[in-house]
PDB file of all heavy atoms in Angstrom:
ATOM      1  N   MET A   1      -7.122   2.834  15.683  1.00  0.00           N
ATOM      2  CA  MET A   1      -5.792   3.067  15.115  1.00  0.00           C
ATOM      3  C   MET A   1      -5.888   3.971  13.924  1.00  0.00           C
ATOM      4  O   MET A   1      -6.787   3.803  13.103  1.00  0.00           O
ATOM      5  CB  MET A   1      -5.229   1.723  14.619  1.00  0.00           C
ATOM      6  CG  MET A   1      -4.249   1.051  15.394  1.00  0.00           C
ATOM      7  SD  MET A   1      -3.789  -0.440  14.451  1.00  0.00           S
ATOM      8  CE  MET A   1      -3.022  -1.268  15.792  1.00  0.00           C
ATOM      9  N   THR A   2      -4.991   4.933  13.814  1.00  0.00           N
ATOM     10  CA  THR A   2      -4.923   5.775  12.602  1.00  0.00           C
ATOM     11  C   THR A   2      -3.484   5.864  12.164  1.00  0.00           C
ATOM     12  O   THR A   2      -2.554   5.808  12.992  1.00  0.00           O
ATOM     13  CB  THR A   2      -5.467   7.193  12.845  1.00  0.00           C
ATOM     14  OG1 THR A   2      -4.714   7.818  13.883  1.00  0.00           O
ATOM     15  CG2 THR A   2      -6.941   7.160  13.206  1.00  0.00           C
ATOM     16  N   ALA A   3      -3.277   6.033  10.868  1.00  0.00           N
ATOM     17  CA  ALA A   3      -1.928   6.197  10.321  1.00  0.00           C
ATOM     18  C   ALA A   3      -2.053   6.930   9.000  1.00  0.00           C
ATOM     19  O   ALA A   3      -3.090   6.823   8.304  1.00  0.00           O
ATOM     20  CB  ALA A   3      -1.225   4.853  10.159  1.00  0.00           C
ATOM     21  N   ASP A   4      -1.001   7.668   8.611  1.00  0.00           N
ATOM     22  CA  ASP A   4      -0.895   8.299   7.326  1.00  0.00           C
ATOM     23  C   ASP A   4       0.362   7.785   6.664  1.00  0.00           C
ATOM     24  O   ASP A   4       1.424   7.686   7.292  1.00  0.00           O
ATOM     25  CB  ASP A   4      -0.855   9.828   7.500  1.00  0.00           C
ATOM     26  CG  ASP A   4      -2.126  10.340   8.114  1.00  0.00           C
ATOM     27  OD1 ASP A   4      -3.205   9.999   7.597  1.00  0.00           O
ATOM     28  OD2 ASP A   4      -2.056  11.086   9.113  1.00  0.00           O
ATOM     29  N   VAL A   5       0.262   7.441   5.383  1.00  0.00           N
ATOM     30  CA  VAL A   5       1.379   6.848   4.635  1.00  0.00           C
ATOM     31  C   VAL A   5       1.563   7.569   3.329  1.00  0.00           C
ATOM     32  O   VAL A   5       0.633   7.719   2.553  1.00  0.00           O
ATOM     33  CB  VAL A   5       1.098   5.310   4.390  1.00  0.00           C
ATOM     34  CG1 VAL A   5       2.261   4.672   3.678  1.00  0.00           C
ATOM     35  CG2 VAL A   5       0.818   4.580   5.682  1.00  0.00           C
ATOM     36  N   CYS A   6       2.821   8.047   3.089  1.00  0.00           N
ATOM     37  CA  CYS A   6       3.088   8.757   1.849  1.00  0.00           C
ATOM     38  C   CYS A   6       2.987   7.778   0.665  1.00  0.00           C
ATOM     39  O   CYS A   6       3.003   6.563   0.843  1.00  0.00           O
ATOM     40  CB  CYS A   6       4.482   9.448   1.899  1.00  0.00           C
ATOM     41  SG  CYS A   6       5.896   8.311   1.785  1.00  0.00           S
ATOM     42  N   GLU A   7       2.897   8.329  -0.554  1.00  0.00           N
ATOM     43  CA  GLU A   7       2.743   7.480  -1.728  1.00  0.00           C
ATOM     44  C   GLU A   7       3.872   6.526  -1.958  1.00  0.00           C
ATOM     45  O   GLU A   7       3.643   5.368  -2.298  1.00  0.00           O
ATOM     46  CB  GLU A   7       2.516   8.379  -2.965  1.00  0.00           C
ATOM     47  CG  GLU A   7       2.055   7.658  -4.170  1.00  0.00           C
ATOM     48  CD  GLU A   7       1.686   8.595  -5.317  1.00  0.00           C
ATOM     49  OE1 GLU A   7       1.770   9.817  -5.187  1.00  0.00           O
ATOM     50  OE2 GLU A   7       1.284   8.039  -6.352  1.00  0.00           O
ATOM     51  N   ALA A   8       5.081   6.951  -1.718  1.00  0.00           N
ATOM     52  CA  ALA A   8       6.264   6.062  -1.915  1.00  0.00           C
ATOM     53  C   ALA A   8       6.213   4.901  -0.935  1.00  0.00           C
ATOM     54  O   ALA A   8       6.459   3.748  -1.344  1.00  0.00           O
ATOM     55  CB  ALA A   8       7.584   6.878  -1.764  1.00  0.00           C
ATOM     56  N   CYS A   9       5.917   5.162   0.289  1.00  0.00           N
ATOM     57  CA  CYS A   9       5.872   4.063   1.290  1.00  0.00           C
ATOM     58  C   CYS A   9       4.697   3.141   0.988  1.00  0.00           C
ATOM     59  O   CYS A   9       4.770   1.908   1.134  1.00  0.00           O
ATOM     60  CB  CYS A   9       5.767   4.625   2.731  1.00  0.00           C
ATOM     61  SG  CYS A   9       7.303   5.326   3.319  1.00  0.00           S
ATOM     62  N   LEU A  10       3.572   3.700   0.558  1.00  0.00           N
ATOM     63  CA  LEU A  10       2.399   2.891   0.195  1.00  0.00           C
ATOM     64  C   LEU A  10       2.767   1.939  -0.945  1.00  0.00           C
ATOM     65  O   LEU A  10       2.433   0.767  -0.901  1.00  0.00           O
ATOM     66  CB  LEU A  10       1.235   3.768  -0.164  1.00  0.00           C
ATOM     67  CG  LEU A  10      -0.035   3.023  -0.542  1.00  0.00           C
ATOM     68  CD1 LEU A  10      -0.635   2.313   0.666  1.00  0.00           C
ATOM     69  CD2 LEU A  10      -1.061   3.994  -1.125  1.00  0.00           C
ATOM     70  N   ASP A  11       3.439   2.462  -1.997  1.00  0.00           N
ATOM     71  CA  ASP A  11       3.857   1.605  -3.110  1.00  0.00           C
ATOM     72  C   ASP A  11       4.752   0.454  -2.627  1.00  0.00           C
ATOM     73  O   ASP A  11       4.560  -0.688  -3.031  1.00  0.00           O
ATOM     74  CB  ASP A  11       4.560   2.413  -4.172  1.00  0.00           C
ATOM     75  CG  ASP A  11       3.612   3.365  -4.925  1.00  0.00           C
ATOM     76  OD1 ASP A  11       2.385   3.156  -4.827  1.00  0.00           O
ATOM     77  OD2 ASP A  11       4.103   4.287  -5.581  1.00  0.00           O
ATOM     78  N   ARG A  12       5.710   0.764  -1.768  1.00  0.00           N
ATOM     79  CA  ARG A  12       6.627  -0.265  -1.231  1.00  0.00           C
ATOM     80  C   ARG A  12       5.859  -1.300  -0.426  1.00  0.00           C
ATOM     81  O   ARG A  12       6.093  -2.500  -0.559  1.00  0.00           O
ATOM     82  CB  ARG A  12       7.684   0.413  -0.342  1.00  0.00           C
ATOM     83  CG  ARG A  12       9.002   0.620  -0.993  1.00  0.00           C
ATOM     84  CD  ARG A  12      10.133   0.959  -0.013  1.00  0.00           C
ATOM     85  NE  ARG A  12       9.800   2.019   0.928  1.00  0.00           N
ATOM     86  CZ  ARG A  12       9.849   3.329   0.665  1.00  0.00           C
ATOM     87  NH1 ARG A  12      10.190   3.721  -0.555  1.00  0.00           N
ATOM     88  NH2 ARG A  12       9.556   4.210   1.576  1.00  0.00           N
ATOM     89  N   TRP A  13       4.953  -0.822   0.412  1.00  0.00           N
ATOM     90  CA  TRP A  13       4.149  -1.691   1.257  1.00  0.00           C
ATOM     91  C   TRP A  13       3.283  -2.653   0.415  1.00  0.00           C
ATOM     92  O   TRP A  13       3.289  -3.861   0.636  1.00  0.00           O
ATOM     93  CB  TRP A  13       3.310  -0.842   2.170  1.00  0.00           C
ATOM     94  CG  TRP A  13       2.404  -1.545   3.146  1.00  0.00           C
ATOM     95  CD1 TRP A  13       2.695  -2.704   3.831  1.00  0.00           C
ATOM     96  CD2 TRP A  13       1.120  -1.162   3.564  1.00  0.00           C
ATOM     97  NE1 TRP A  13       1.642  -3.037   4.647  1.00  0.00           N
ATOM     98  CE2 TRP A  13       0.671  -2.092   4.522  1.00  0.00           C
ATOM     99  CE3 TRP A  13       0.287  -0.084   3.233  1.00  0.00           C
ATOM    100  CZ2 TRP A  13      -0.579  -2.022   5.141  1.00  0.00           C
ATOM    101  CZ3 TRP A  13      -0.937   0.004   3.877  1.00  0.00           C
ATOM    102  CH2 TRP A  13      -1.365  -0.934   4.776  1.00  0.00           C
ATOM    103  N   MET A  14       2.616  -2.118  -0.590  1.00  0.00           N
ATOM    104  CA  MET A  14       1.713  -2.912  -1.383  1.00  0.00           C
ATOM    105  C   MET A  14       2.413  -3.904  -2.309  1.00  0.00           C
ATOM    106  O   MET A  14       1.856  -4.916  -2.659  1.00  0.00           O
ATOM    107  CB  MET A  14       0.767  -2.019  -2.169  1.00  0.00           C
ATOM    108  CG  MET A  14      -0.232  -1.344  -1.263  1.00  0.00           C
ATOM    109  SD  MET A  14      -1.586  -0.621  -2.163  1.00  0.00           S
ATOM    110  CE  MET A  14      -2.590  -0.078  -0.798  1.00  0.00           C
ATOM    111  N   ARG A  15       3.657  -3.590  -2.681  1.00  0.00           N
ATOM    112  CA  ARG A  15       4.414  -4.566  -3.492  1.00  0.00           C
ATOM    113  C   ARG A  15       4.663  -5.872  -2.708  1.00  0.00           C
ATOM    114  O   ARG A  15       4.854  -6.918  -3.310  1.00  0.00           O
ATOM    115  CB  ARG A  15       5.748  -3.968  -3.929  1.00  0.00           C
ATOM    116  CG  ARG A  15       5.652  -3.082  -5.134  1.00  0.00           C
ATOM    117  CD  ARG A  15       7.015  -2.780  -5.778  1.00  0.00           C
ATOM    118  NE  ARG A  15       7.907  -2.053  -4.901  1.00  0.00           N
ATOM    119  CZ  ARG A  15       7.979  -0.731  -4.821  1.00  0.00           C
ATOM    120  NH1 ARG A  15       7.167  -0.002  -5.572  1.00  0.00           N
ATOM    121  NH2 ARG A  15       8.821  -0.134  -4.010  1.00  0.00           N
ATOM    122  N   GLY A  16       4.609  -5.781  -1.394  1.00  0.00           N
ATOM    123  CA  GLY A  16       4.778  -6.985  -0.555  1.00  0.00           C
ATOM    124  C   GLY A  16       3.509  -7.790  -0.349  1.00  0.00           C
ATOM    125  O   GLY A  16       3.560  -8.869   0.255  1.00  0.00           O
ATOM    126  N   PHE A  17       2.368  -7.305  -0.792  1.00  0.00           N
ATOM    127  CA  PHE A  17       1.108  -8.029  -0.631  1.00  0.00           C
ATOM    128  C   PHE A  17       1.117  -9.278  -1.497  1.00  0.00           C
ATOM    129  O   PHE A  17       1.576  -9.286  -2.642  1.00  0.00           O
ATOM    130  CB  PHE A  17      -0.089  -7.170  -1.075  1.00  0.00           C
ATOM    131  CG  PHE A  17      -0.454  -6.049  -0.112  1.00  0.00           C
ATOM    132  CD1 PHE A  17       0.359  -5.656   0.903  1.00  0.00           C
ATOM    133  CD2 PHE A  17      -1.657  -5.430  -0.253  1.00  0.00           C
ATOM    134  CE1 PHE A  17      -0.020  -4.637   1.770  1.00  0.00           C
ATOM    135  CE2 PHE A  17      -2.051  -4.403   0.609  1.00  0.00           C
ATOM    136  CZ  PHE A  17      -1.217  -4.021   1.636  1.00  0.00           C
ATOM    137  N   GLN A  18       0.598 -10.369  -0.954  1.00  0.00           N
ATOM    138  CA  GLN A  18       0.454 -11.612  -1.734  1.00  0.00           C
ATOM    139  C   GLN A  18      -0.635 -11.491  -2.809  1.00  0.00           C
ATOM    140  O   GLN A  18      -0.564 -12.055  -3.886  1.00  0.00           O
ATOM    141  CB  GLN A  18       0.123 -12.788  -0.810  1.00  0.00           C
ATOM    142  CG  GLN A  18       1.273 -13.177   0.098  1.00  0.00           C
ATOM    143  CD  GLN A  18       2.480 -13.659  -0.712  1.00  0.00           C
ATOM    144  OE1 GLN A  18       2.381 -14.468  -1.597  1.00  0.00           O
ATOM    145  NE2 GLN A  18       3.640 -13.100  -0.389  1.00  0.00           N
ATOM    146  N   ILE A  19      -1.701 -10.721  -2.462  1.00  0.00           N
ATOM    147  CA  ILE A  19      -2.783 -10.450  -3.385  1.00  0.00           C
ATOM    148  C   ILE A  19      -2.855  -8.948  -3.564  1.00  0.00           C
ATOM    149  O   ILE A  19      -3.054  -8.206  -2.613  1.00  0.00           O
ATOM    150  CB  ILE A  19      -4.130 -10.957  -2.874  1.00  0.00           C
ATOM    151  CG1 ILE A  19      -4.063 -12.499  -2.680  1.00  0.00           C
ATOM    152  CG2 ILE A  19      -5.277 -10.588  -3.809  1.00  0.00           C
ATOM    153  CD1 ILE A  19      -5.237 -13.096  -1.964  1.00  0.00           C
ATOM    154  N   ALA A  20      -2.610  -8.491  -4.790  1.00  0.00           N
ATOM    155  CA  ALA A  20      -2.559  -7.027  -5.051  1.00  0.00           C
ATOM    156  C   ALA A  20      -3.918  -6.399  -4.817  1.00  0.00           C
ATOM    157  O   ALA A  20      -4.949  -6.985  -5.101  1.00  0.00           O
ATOM    158  CB  ALA A  20      -2.118  -6.792  -6.495  1.00  0.00           C
ATOM    159  N   PRO A  21      -3.943  -5.173  -4.303  1.00  0.00           N
ATOM    160  CA  PRO A  21      -5.206  -4.446  -4.118  1.00  0.00           C
ATOM    161  C   PRO A  21      -5.850  -4.181  -5.491  1.00  0.00           C
ATOM    162  O   PRO A  21      -5.151  -4.056  -6.502  1.00  0.00           O
ATOM    163  CB  PRO A  21      -4.785  -3.125  -3.475  1.00  0.00           C
ATOM    164  CG  PRO A  21      -3.376  -3.328  -2.978  1.00  0.00           C
ATOM    165  CD  PRO A  21      -2.810  -4.418  -3.816  1.00  0.00           C
ATOM    166  N   GLU A  22      -7.163  -4.099  -5.482  1.00  0.00           N
ATOM    167  CA  GLU A  22      -7.863  -3.768  -6.743  1.00  0.00           C
ATOM    168  C   GLU A  22      -7.650  -2.293  -7.026  1.00  0.00           C
ATOM    169  O   GLU A  22      -7.729  -1.473  -6.129  1.00  0.00           O
ATOM    170  CB  GLU A  22      -9.356  -4.042  -6.577  1.00  0.00           C
ATOM    171  CG  GLU A  22      -9.687  -5.512  -6.570  1.00  0.00           C
ATOM    172  CD  GLU A  22     -11.192  -5.761  -6.590  1.00  0.00           C
ATOM    173  OE1 GLU A  22     -11.929  -4.948  -7.233  1.00  0.00           O
ATOM    174  OE2 GLU A  22     -11.609  -6.750  -6.004  1.00  0.00           O
ATOM    175  N   MET A  23      -7.401  -1.995  -8.275  1.00  0.00           N
ATOM    176  CA  MET A  23      -7.211  -0.616  -8.729  1.00  0.00           C
ATOM    177  C   MET A  23      -8.191  -0.319  -9.818  1.00  0.00           C
ATOM    178  O   MET A  23      -8.404  -1.131 -10.723  1.00  0.00           O
ATOM    179  CB  MET A  23      -5.782  -0.430  -9.269  1.00  0.00           C
ATOM    180  CG  MET A  23      -4.667  -0.705  -8.247  1.00  0.00           C
ATOM    181  SD  MET A  23      -4.457   0.534  -7.025  1.00  0.00           S
ATOM    182  CE  MET A  23      -3.561   1.796  -7.959  1.00  0.00           C
ATOM    183  N   THR A  24      -8.825   0.830  -9.691  1.00  0.00           N
ATOM    184  CA  THR A  24      -9.686   1.324 -10.783  1.00  0.00           C
ATOM    185  C   THR A  24      -9.264   2.721 -11.106  1.00  0.00           C
ATOM    186  O   THR A  24      -8.670   3.426 -10.298  1.00  0.00           O
ATOM    187  CB  THR A  24     -11.209   1.327 -10.348  1.00  0.00           C
ATOM    188  OG1 THR A  24     -11.342   2.148  -9.187  1.00  0.00           O
ATOM    189  CG2 THR A  24     -11.689  -0.063 -10.091  1.00  0.00           C
TER     190      THR A  24
END
């Protein structure tokens, strides 16, 4: 499976995560 996600959609998607992704 492959997919490309723009920054705005990625931000919306990740706000729904129960555990936030690690950011450095």
